[in-house]
Amino acid sequence: MTKEDLQIESLILVALAKNFNSQGTYLIGELKQQTKQNFNIAMNATHNFVAGIEKNLQPEEVKFLEELVGTMDDALSDMRKELHKPKEEVCQNTDSMKSVIFVKEKDDK
């Protein structure tokens, strides 16, 4: 792996960690005992990991990371909207997706 590839993969990991912390806010106050303790440890460790990496980033890396996190946030938001739709609507979307996959497989043969 080249140094540039490693930088990109590292920034993807940091972006995922930032998204993990952001997504984790939905569970605050919802967990009990040991699970809550493990969750809090994971959230704090992730926050410290991100902070440690971010302080050493170059300005262009910070910009790339911000764009990457924004893109991931948008994708998660779209996924969340899709998952919260009524079951009938989700099933219709799933059926249409299966149709697309089936047609693609037929075309590939």
Protein backbone atom coordinates (compact mmCIF):
# COMPACT_ATOMS: atom_id res chain seq x y z
CA MET A 1 0.00 0.00 0.00
CA THR A 2 1.38 3.40 -0.94
CA LYS A 3 1.69 6.23 1.55
CA GLU A 4 -1.16 8.07 -0.21
CA ASP A 5 -3.40 4.97 -0.05
CA LEU A 6 -2.62 4.61 3.65
CA GLN A 7 -3.53 8.27 4.25
CA ILE A 8 -6.87 7.81 2.47
CA GLU A 9 -7.67 4.62 4.36
CA SER A 10 -6.72 6.30 7.66
CA LEU A 11 -9.00 9.25 6.92
CA ILE A 12 -11.84 6.87 6.05
CA LEU A 13 -11.35 5.18 9.42
CA VAL A 14 -11.38 8.54 11.22
CA ALA A 15 -14.54 9.54 9.33
CA LEU A 16 -16.20 6.26 10.35
CA ALA A 17 -15.20 6.92 13.97
CA LYS A 18 -16.70 10.40 13.79
CA ASN A 19 -19.90 8.93 12.35
CA PHE A 20 -19.90 6.27 15.09
CA ASN A 21 -19.80 9.02 17.74
CA SER A 22 -22.51 10.97 15.96
CA GLN A 23 -24.75 7.92 15.56
CA GLY A 24 -24.09 6.93 19.15
CA THR A 25 -25.90 10.01 20.42
CA TYR A 26 -29.18 8.26 19.52
CA LEU A 27 -28.49 5.68 22.25
CA ILE A 28 -27.69 8.06 25.09
CA GLY A 29 -29.94 7.19 28.01
CA GLU A 30 -31.27 4.02 26.34
CA LEU A 31 -28.79 1.41 27.53
CA LYS A 32 -28.57 -0.40 30.85
CA GLN A 33 -25.70 -1.33 33.18
CA GLN A 34 -22.78 -3.20 31.55
CA THR A 35 -23.90 -2.40 28.03
CA LYS A 36 -24.06 1.30 28.94
CA GLN A 37 -20.58 1.14 30.48
CA ASN A 38 -19.12 -0.57 27.40
CA PHE A 39 -20.87 1.94 25.15
CA ASN A 40 -19.47 4.89 27.12
CA ILE A 41 -15.97 3.40 27.00
CA ALA A 42 -16.27 2.93 23.23
CA MET A 43 -17.57 6.47 22.71
CA ASN A 44 -14.76 7.99 24.80
CA ALA A 45 -12.08 5.87 23.15
CA THR A 46 -13.37 6.78 19.69
CA HIS A 47 -13.48 10.48 20.60
CA ASN A 48 -9.88 10.34 21.89
CA PHE A 49 -8.75 8.44 18.78
CA VAL A 50 -10.30 11.03 16.46
CA ALA A 51 -8.92 13.96 18.45
CA GLY A 52 -5.43 12.45 18.43
CA ILE A 53 -5.48 11.99 14.67
CA GLU A 54 -7.12 15.33 13.85
CA LYS A 55 -4.51 17.38 15.69
CA ASN A 56 -1.82 16.06 13.31
CA LEU A 57 -3.70 16.56 10.03
CA GLN A 58 -2.61 18.92 7.31
CA PRO A 59 -5.17 21.54 6.15
CA GLU A 60 -5.94 19.61 2.94
CA GLU A 61 -6.51 16.44 4.98
CA VAL A 62 -8.88 18.31 7.31
CA LYS A 63 -10.88 19.50 4.29
CA PHE A 64 -10.97 15.99 2.81
CA LEU A 65 -12.07 14.55 6.17
CA GLU A 66 -14.86 17.14 6.52
CA GLU A 67 -16.14 16.30 3.03
CA LEU A 68 -15.90 12.57 3.73
CA VAL A 69 -17.78 12.87 7.02
CA GLY A 70 -20.43 14.99 5.30
CA THR A 71 -20.87 12.41 2.56
CA MET A 72 -21.17 9.61 5.12
CA ASP A 73 -23.65 11.67 7.17
CA ASP A 74 -25.78 12.16 4.05
CA ALA A 75 -25.67 8.45 3.23
CA LEU A 76 -26.63 7.53 6.81
CA SER A 77 -29.45 10.07 6.76
CA ASP A 78 -30.80 8.60 3.50
CA MET A 79 -30.53 5.09 4.91
CA ARG A 80 -32.27 6.16 8.12
CA LYS A 81 -35.15 7.70 6.13
CA GLU A 82 -35.47 4.51 4.10
CA LEU A 83 -35.48 2.29 7.18
CA HIS A 84 -38.11 4.40 8.93
CA LYS A 85 -40.58 4.21 6.03
CA PRO A 86 -43.72 2.11 6.51
CA LYS A 87 -43.02 -1.60 5.86
CA GLU A 88 -45.18 -1.70 2.70
CA GLU A 89 -43.14 1.07 1.11
CA VAL A 90 -39.83 -0.54 2.10
CA CYS A 91 -41.00 -3.89 0.66
CA GLN A 92 -41.90 -2.20 -2.64
CA ASN A 93 -38.45 -0.62 -2.79
CA THR A 94 -36.84 -3.97 -1.98
CA ASP A 95 -38.89 -5.73 -4.68
CA SER A 96 -37.89 -3.14 -7.27
CA MET A 97 -34.25 -3.55 -6.22
CA LYS A 98 -34.55 -7.32 -6.69
CA SER A 99 -35.94 -6.68 -10.17
CA VAL A 100 -32.97 -4.51 -11.04
CA ILE A 101 -30.55 -7.16 -9.73
CA PHE A 102 -32.38 -9.95 -11.60
CA VAL A 103 -32.35 -7.99 -14.89
CA LYS A 104 -28.66 -7.20 -14.41
CA GLU A 105 -27.85 -10.87 -13.87
CA LYS A 106 -29.79 -11.87 -17.01
CA ASP A 107 -27.98 -9.20 -19.05
CA ASP A 108 -24.59 -10.38 -17.80
CA LYS A 109 -25.11 -13.94 -19.12
